[in-house]
Protein backbone atom coordinates (compact mmCIF):
# COMPACT_ATOMS: atom_id res chain seq x y z
CA UNK A 1 -100.41 32.39 32.09
CA UNK A 2 -98.94 32.95 28.64
CA UNK A 3 -97.56 29.78 27.00
CA UNK A 4 -95.83 31.48 24.07
CA UNK A 5 -92.18 32.04 24.92
CA UNK A 6 -89.70 30.80 27.51
CA UNK A 7 -86.91 33.22 28.41
CA UNK A 8 -83.95 32.63 30.71
CA UNK A 9 -80.82 34.66 31.43
CA UNK A 10 -77.60 33.22 32.83
CA UNK A 11 -74.36 35.01 33.65
CA UNK A 12 -71.33 32.91 32.72
CA UNK A 13 -67.77 33.54 33.80
CA UNK A 14 -66.34 32.87 30.36
CA UNK A 15 -65.78 34.89 27.20
CA UNK A 16 -68.51 35.12 24.53
CA UNK A 17 -66.25 33.07 22.23
CA UNK A 18 -66.13 30.17 24.68
CA UNK A 19 -69.85 30.42 25.51
CA UNK A 20 -70.66 30.44 21.78
CA UNK A 21 -68.70 27.19 21.36
CA UNK A 22 -70.48 25.67 24.37
CA UNK A 23 -73.97 26.42 22.96
CA UNK A 24 -73.20 25.67 19.30
CA UNK A 25 -70.74 22.77 19.12
CA UNK A 26 -72.20 19.24 19.39
CA UNK A 27 -69.16 18.11 21.42
CA UNK A 28 -69.76 20.83 24.02
CA UNK A 29 -73.57 20.73 23.88
CA UNK A 30 -73.68 17.13 25.05
CA UNK A 31 -71.65 18.05 28.14
CA UNK A 32 -74.54 20.06 29.59
CA UNK A 33 -77.74 19.29 27.67
CA UNK A 34 -78.46 16.17 25.54
CA UNK A 35 -76.68 12.87 25.93
CA UNK A 36 -75.64 12.94 22.28
CA UNK A 37 -75.69 15.47 19.45
CA UNK A 38 -74.97 15.16 15.76
CA UNK A 39 -75.09 18.21 13.45
CA UNK A 40 -72.83 20.75 11.79
CA UNK A 41 -73.09 24.13 13.60
CA UNK A 42 -73.74 26.07 10.40
CA UNK A 43 -77.07 27.57 9.22
CA UNK A 44 -79.19 25.04 7.34
CA UNK A 45 -77.49 22.01 8.85
CA UNK A 46 -79.91 19.31 9.98
CA UNK A 47 -79.11 16.67 12.55
CA UNK A 48 -80.36 15.35 15.84
CA UNK A 49 -79.91 15.38 19.57
CA UNK A 50 -80.56 12.38 21.79
CA UNK A 51 -81.75 12.24 25.39
CA UNK A 52 -80.92 8.92 27.02
CA UNK A 53 -79.54 5.90 25.19
CA UNK A 54 -80.60 5.77 21.54
CA UNK A 55 -80.83 1.97 21.56
CA UNK A 56 -82.49 1.72 24.98
CA UNK A 57 -85.62 3.81 24.56
CA UNK A 58 -83.91 7.21 24.41
CA UNK A 59 -85.58 10.16 22.72
CA UNK A 60 -84.16 11.24 19.36
CA UNK A 61 -85.11 14.81 18.45
CA UNK A 62 -84.67 16.48 15.05
CA UNK A 63 -82.43 19.57 15.20
CA UNK A 64 -81.80 22.21 12.49
CA UNK A 65 -79.38 25.12 12.81
CA UNK A 66 -81.06 28.40 11.82
CA UNK A 67 -78.44 31.05 12.65
CA UNK A 68 -74.79 31.04 13.72
CA UNK A 69 -73.02 34.37 14.18
CA UNK A 70 -70.02 33.84 16.46
CA UNK A 71 -69.66 34.99 19.15
CA UNK A 72 -73.09 36.64 19.47
CA UNK A 73 -75.97 34.42 18.32
CA UNK A 74 -76.76 30.75 17.83
CA UNK A 75 -80.29 29.61 16.96
CA UNK A 76 -81.88 26.30 16.06
CA UNK A 77 -85.25 24.71 15.49
CA UNK A 78 -86.08 21.40 17.11
CA UNK A 79 -88.91 18.96 17.81
CA UNK A 80 -90.04 18.87 14.16
CA UNK A 81 -90.79 15.53 12.49
CA UNK A 82 -87.50 14.07 11.24
CA UNK A 83 -88.91 13.72 7.71
CA UNK A 84 -89.91 17.41 7.48
CA UNK A 85 -87.97 20.63 7.00
CA UNK A 86 -87.99 22.67 10.22
CA UNK A 87 -90.28 25.69 9.96
CA UNK A 88 -92.62 27.83 12.02
CA UNK A 89 -95.61 25.68 12.92
CA UNK A 90 -93.80 22.32 13.08
CA UNK A 91 -90.90 23.14 15.40
CA UNK A 92 -89.77 25.29 18.30
CA UNK A 93 -87.13 28.00 17.86
CA UNK A 94 -84.35 28.35 20.43
CA UNK A 95 -82.06 31.39 20.30
CA UNK A 96 -78.98 32.00 22.42
CA UNK A 97 -77.96 35.67 22.43
CA UNK A 98 -74.59 36.38 24.02
CA UNK A 99 -73.51 39.76 25.35
CA UNK A 100 -70.13 40.58 26.94
CA UNK A 101 -70.69 41.57 30.57
CA UNK A 102 -67.94 42.40 33.04
CA UNK A 103 -65.35 39.66 32.64
CA UNK A 104 -67.86 37.16 31.31
CA UNK A 105 -70.98 36.72 29.19
CA UNK A 106 -74.67 37.29 29.71
CA UNK A 107 -76.53 34.52 27.88
CA UNK A 108 -80.18 35.08 27.03
CA UNK A 109 -82.04 31.96 25.92
CA UNK A 110 -85.41 32.31 24.22
CA UNK A 111 -87.58 29.39 23.12
CA UNK A 112 -90.62 30.30 21.05
CA UNK A 113 -93.17 28.79 18.70
CA UNK A 114 -95.35 26.94 21.18
CA UNK A 115 -98.58 28.65 20.11
CA UNK A 116 -97.77 28.16 16.41
CA UNK A 117 -97.65 24.37 16.84
CA UNK A 118 -101.45 24.14 16.71
CA UNK A 119 -101.65 22.04 19.86
CA UNK A 120 -104.81 21.73 21.94
CA UNK A 121 -104.65 23.87 25.08
CA UNK A 122 -103.83 20.95 27.41
CA UNK A 123 -100.94 19.76 25.22
CA UNK A 124 -99.67 23.31 24.73
CA UNK A 125 -99.59 23.83 28.50
CA UNK A 126 -97.93 20.44 29.10
CA UNK A 127 -95.23 21.01 26.45
CA UNK A 128 -94.56 24.55 27.65
CA UNK A 129 -94.21 23.43 31.29
CA UNK A 130 -91.98 20.46 30.34
CA UNK A 131 -89.68 22.71 28.32
CA UNK A 132 -89.57 25.39 31.06
CA UNK A 133 -88.69 22.71 33.63
CA UNK A 134 -86.08 21.26 31.26
CA UNK A 135 -84.36 24.61 30.72
CA UNK A 136 -84.42 25.25 34.47
CA UNK A 137 -82.56 21.96 34.92
CA UNK A 138 -80.10 22.13 32.01
CA UNK A 139 -79.14 25.82 31.72
CA UNK A 140 -77.52 25.96 35.20
CA UNK A 141 -75.20 23.15 34.03
CA UNK A 142 -73.89 25.35 31.20
CA UNK A 143 -72.24 28.05 33.34
CA UNK A 144 -69.82 25.87 35.36
CA UNK A 145 -68.91 23.87 32.24
CA UNK A 146 -68.07 27.03 30.25
CA UNK A 147 -66.20 28.56 33.21
CA UNK A 148 -64.09 25.39 33.45
CA UNK A 149 -63.16 25.76 29.76
CA UNK A 150 -62.30 29.44 30.32
CA UNK A 151 -59.96 28.47 33.14
CA UNK A 152 -57.93 26.08 30.98
CA UNK A 153 -54.41 27.36 30.19
């Protein structure tokens, strides 16, 4: 099995503009993925996302916006040490590519950079599997949330 890139596609019954907001805005992101998010959705902005309660053992993860081209592409690096600038080799790159499709949007999510992290094989496999399982859990939550926003008057 190749542990280099995770790819998922999801059809969402919402416009690319709404889906872009849902994958790029901290307020929307925390409705389907992390429990909290703090960053400016512009390239170069550094912040963090939090899984669980920050003050009760939650996991705080560094987050840096790499690309933001509404309504087509949003990309960020994450998992890098908070005291380092995100780059290939110290972080994973997640890209959301949005394509109009029918009356909605086809979202393609790609997470890459696992092999560049320099992890031992066992850790590489563990991290890859954890991230694949995570995306399989969280991405399906995105579609109904975005569709609900689309349905608002």
